Amino acid sequence: MRVLGIDPGLTRCGLGLVEGDTGRPPRLVDVGVVRTPADLPLPQRLLAVHQAVAEWIDRLRPDAVAVERVFSHHNVRTVMGTAQASGVALTAAARAGLPVGLYTPSEAKAAVTGSGRADKAQVTAMVTRVLQLDEPPRPTDAADALALAICHLWRGAAQDRLAKALHDTGSHNSGPHNSGPHNSGLHQPGRSR
């Protein structure tokens, strides 16, 4: 499975693609950062992010996309730019027909380091170790994108297999254990539908 991780941002948008299978360590395919100048008008900045994500999808053919879920920051301008960059990344994934996993920063940190409170240096160090890289990915936006991809590879793939198994056995439509609003069988918290 190939997963494109996207750490959205207007100034720097991290992109990282990893591939892996159950029982084997993930492997780095490509990593980079899209930069847009602050003096460029907003529509052109968003277009540049969208075009870069679409180009990565076309060139690298991921099976899924993992995007950082936008959290409220203290700086409203920063969160707005991040949310807008996230929106164009989600649009590029949807246009390509790819499933998308949305993960909070804490979820991605926990998946890679074991702690949702890990700092950026710890995340970068663990991404470097997990992917067996000779040097850490720079800047941190690139490492964060790879952490999101690894998170989806490990968590999202397991959730997808569970949902498929439930669907294939028909258990999502039968039995008292699946009645009620909390357990529809296919709803996956933290994942888009």
Protein backbone atom coordinates (compact mmCIF):
# COMPACT_ATOMS: atom_id res chain seq x y z
CA MET A 1 0.00 0.00 0.00
CA ARG A 2 1.24 3.49 -0.89
CA VAL A 3 0.16 6.44 1.26
CA LEU A 4 0.71 10.12 0.53
CA GLY A 5 0.95 12.13 3.74
CA ILE A 6 0.16 15.84 3.57
CA ASP A 7 1.04 18.36 6.28
CA PRO A 8 -1.00 21.31 4.97
CA GLY A 9 0.26 24.86 5.02
CA LEU A 10 0.37 27.89 2.77
CA THR A 11 3.99 28.87 3.32
CA ARG A 12 5.21 25.26 3.49
CA CYS A 13 3.10 22.20 2.68
CA GLY A 14 4.86 18.94 3.50
CA LEU A 15 4.40 15.95 1.21
CA GLY A 16 5.68 12.45 1.89
CA LEU A 17 4.90 9.12 0.27
CA VAL A 18 5.62 5.80 1.96
CA GLU A 19 4.76 2.26 1.01
CA GLY A 20 4.50 -0.85 3.08
CA ASP A 21 2.75 -4.11 3.73
CA THR A 22 1.74 -5.90 6.88
CA GLY A 23 4.76 -7.39 8.62
CA ARG A 24 7.31 -5.33 6.70
CA PRO A 25 8.75 -1.93 7.64
CA PRO A 26 7.50 1.01 5.60
CA ARG A 27 9.74 2.40 2.88
CA LEU A 28 10.25 6.00 1.78
CA VAL A 29 9.24 6.64 -1.82
CA ASP A 30 9.51 10.44 -1.96
CA VAL A 31 9.41 13.47 0.31
CA GLY A 32 9.32 17.20 -0.30
CA VAL A 33 7.85 20.55 0.57
CA VAL A 34 5.76 22.91 -1.55
CA ARG A 35 6.58 26.53 -0.78
CA THR A 36 4.52 29.55 -1.76
CA PRO A 37 5.71 33.15 -1.34
CA ALA A 38 3.76 35.26 1.14
CA ASP A 39 3.52 38.15 -1.34
CA LEU A 40 1.67 36.02 -3.92
CA PRO A 41 -2.13 36.54 -3.94
CA LEU A 42 -4.02 33.88 -1.94
CA PRO A 43 -5.76 32.27 -4.94
CA GLN A 44 -2.40 31.71 -6.66
CA ARG A 45 -0.89 30.26 -3.48
CA LEU A 46 -3.78 27.81 -3.13
CA LEU A 47 -3.53 26.92 -6.82
CA ALA A 48 0.20 26.19 -6.41
CA VAL A 49 -0.50 23.85 -3.47
CA HIS A 50 -3.31 22.12 -5.39
CA GLN A 51 -1.17 21.67 -8.51
CA ALA A 52 1.71 20.23 -6.49
CA VAL A 53 -0.52 17.73 -4.67
CA ALA A 54 -2.21 16.74 -7.94
CA GLU A 55 1.19 16.28 -9.59
CA TRP A 56 2.39 14.05 -6.72
CA ILE A 57 -0.79 11.96 -6.99
CA ASP A 58 -0.40 11.60 -10.78
CA ARG A 59 3.32 10.80 -10.60
CA LEU A 60 3.43 8.52 -7.55
CA ARG A 61 0.00 6.83 -7.69
CA PRO A 62 -0.80 6.51 -3.97
CA ASP A 63 -3.53 4.13 -2.78
CA ALA A 64 -4.64 6.56 -0.08
CA VAL A 65 -3.98 10.05 1.26
CA ALA A 66 -3.46 11.05 4.90
CA VAL A 67 -3.99 14.71 5.81
CA GLU A 68 -3.45 16.44 9.11
CA ARG A 69 -6.77 17.46 10.62
CA VAL A 70 -6.74 21.22 11.12
CA PHE A 71 -6.75 22.26 14.75
CA SER A 72 -7.51 25.70 16.12
CA HIS A 73 -4.32 27.61 16.77
CA HIS A 74 -3.93 30.85 18.70
CA ASN A 75 -3.13 32.68 15.45
CA VAL A 76 -6.32 32.88 13.35
CA ARG A 77 -4.40 33.82 10.19
CA THR A 78 -2.25 30.70 10.51
CA VAL A 79 -5.22 28.38 11.03
CA MET A 80 -7.08 29.92 8.10
CA GLY A 81 -4.16 29.36 5.74
CA THR A 82 -3.70 25.82 7.01
CA ALA A 83 -7.42 25.08 6.60
CA GLN A 84 -7.42 26.48 3.07
CA ALA A 85 -4.34 24.44 2.10
CA SER A 86 -5.98 21.38 3.65
CA GLY A 87 -9.10 21.99 1.57
CA VAL A 88 -7.23 22.08 -1.72
CA ALA A 89 -5.28 18.94 -0.76
CA LEU A 90 -8.54 17.15 0.06
CA THR A 91 -9.99 18.32 -3.25
CA ALA A 92 -7.01 16.93 -5.19
CA ALA A 93 -7.41 13.57 -3.42
CA ALA A 94 -11.17 13.51 -4.05
CA ARG A 95 -10.69 14.40 -7.71
CA ALA A 96 -8.32 11.39 -8.01
CA GLY A 97 -10.89 9.16 -6.28
CA LEU A 98 -8.55 8.33 -3.40
CA PRO A 99 -9.65 7.45 0.14
CA VAL A 100 -8.56 10.04 2.69
CA GLY A 101 -7.66 9.61 6.35
CA LEU A 102 -7.73 12.69 8.58
CA TYR A 103 -5.51 12.54 11.66
CA THR A 104 -4.90 14.99 14.46
CA PRO A 105 -1.30 15.92 15.19
CA SER A 106 -1.54 13.88 18.41
CA GLU A 107 -2.71 10.78 16.53
CA ALA A 108 0.19 10.99 14.08
CA LYS A 109 2.69 11.62 16.89
CA ALA A 110 1.34 8.70 18.92
CA ALA A 111 1.47 6.34 15.93
CA VAL A 112 5.11 7.12 15.22
CA THR A 113 6.58 7.82 18.67
CA GLY A 114 4.15 6.19 21.08
CA SER A 115 3.30 9.57 22.64
CA GLY A 116 0.74 12.09 21.42
CA ARG A 117 2.77 14.80 23.19
CA ALA A 118 6.04 14.19 21.34
CA ASP A 119 7.83 17.28 20.10
CA LYS A 120 8.89 17.88 16.50
CA ALA A 121 12.44 16.64 17.15
CA GLN A 122 11.13 13.34 18.54
CA VAL A 123 8.77 12.89 15.57
CA THR A 124 11.58 13.60 13.11
CA ALA A 125 13.91 11.19 14.92
CA MET A 126 11.35 8.37 14.90
CA VAL A 127 10.37 8.95 11.26
CA THR A 128 14.08 8.73 10.41
CA ARG A 129 14.40 5.48 12.38
CA VAL A 130 11.17 3.85 11.14
CA LEU A 131 12.00 4.58 7.50
CA GLN A 132 15.69 3.70 8.04
CA LEU A 133 16.84 6.99 6.51
CA ASP A 134 20.48 8.09 6.46
CA GLU A 135 19.51 11.61 7.52
CA PRO A 136 16.39 13.26 8.95
CA PRO A 137 13.89 14.74 6.49
CA ARG A 138 13.99 18.55 6.50
CA PRO A 139 12.19 20.80 7.16
CA THR A 140 9.89 19.49 9.88
CA ASP A 141 6.89 19.83 7.53
CA ALA A 142 8.40 17.00 5.46
CA ALA A 143 8.88 14.82 8.56
CA ASP A 144 5.32 15.59 9.68
CA ALA A 145 3.97 14.54 6.27
CA LEU A 146 5.85 11.24 6.53
CA ALA A 147 4.51 10.72 10.07
CA LEU A 148 0.96 11.16 8.73
CA ALA A 149 1.61 8.65 5.96
CA ILE A 150 3.07 6.12 8.43
CA CYS A 151 0.12 6.71 10.77
CA HIS A 152 -2.33 5.90 7.99
CA LEU A 153 -0.30 2.93 6.82
CA TRP A 154 -0.41 1.45 10.31
CA ARG A 155 -3.77 2.65 11.63
CA GLY A 156 -5.80 3.32 8.52
CA ALA A 157 -4.91 0.06 6.82
CA ALA A 158 -6.04 -1.87 9.90
CA GLN A 159 -9.30 0.10 10.02
CA ASP A 160 -9.85 -0.49 6.30
CA ARG A 161 -9.29 -4.26 6.69
CA LEU A 162 -11.74 -4.37 9.60
CA ALA A 163 -14.38 -2.44 7.67
CA LYS A 164 -13.90 -4.68 4.62
CA ALA A 165 -14.14 -7.82 6.77
CA LEU A 166 -17.34 -6.57 8.37
CA HIS A 167 -18.74 -5.68 4.98
CA ASP A 168 -17.72 -9.00 3.38
CA THR A 169 -19.27 -11.06 6.18
CA GLY A 170 -22.44 -9.00 6.14
CA SER A 171 -22.16 -8.50 9.90
CA HIS A 172 -22.68 -4.77 9.52
CA ASN A 173 -26.33 -5.43 8.64
CA SER A 174 -27.22 -8.14 11.09
CA GLY A 175 -27.12 -9.01 14.75
CA PRO A 176 -27.84 -7.03 17.86
CA HIS A 177 -24.19 -6.00 18.31
CA ASN A 178 -24.49 -3.70 15.30
CA SER A 179 -27.74 -1.99 16.10
CA GLY A 180 -27.75 1.52 17.39
CA PRO A 181 -26.10 4.77 16.38
CA HIS A 182 -22.66 4.09 17.89
CA ASN A 183 -21.76 1.02 15.90
CA SER A 184 -22.83 1.16 12.27
CA GLY A 185 -20.05 -1.21 11.23
CA LEU A 186 -18.53 1.10 8.65
CA HIS A 187 -18.17 4.37 10.56
CA GLN A 188 -14.54 4.97 11.39
CA PRO A 189 -13.85 7.80 13.82
CA GLY A 190 -11.19 10.15 12.55
CA ARG A 191 -11.67 9.03 8.95
CA SER A 192 -13.61 10.71 6.18
CA ARG A 193 -16.35 8.85 4.37
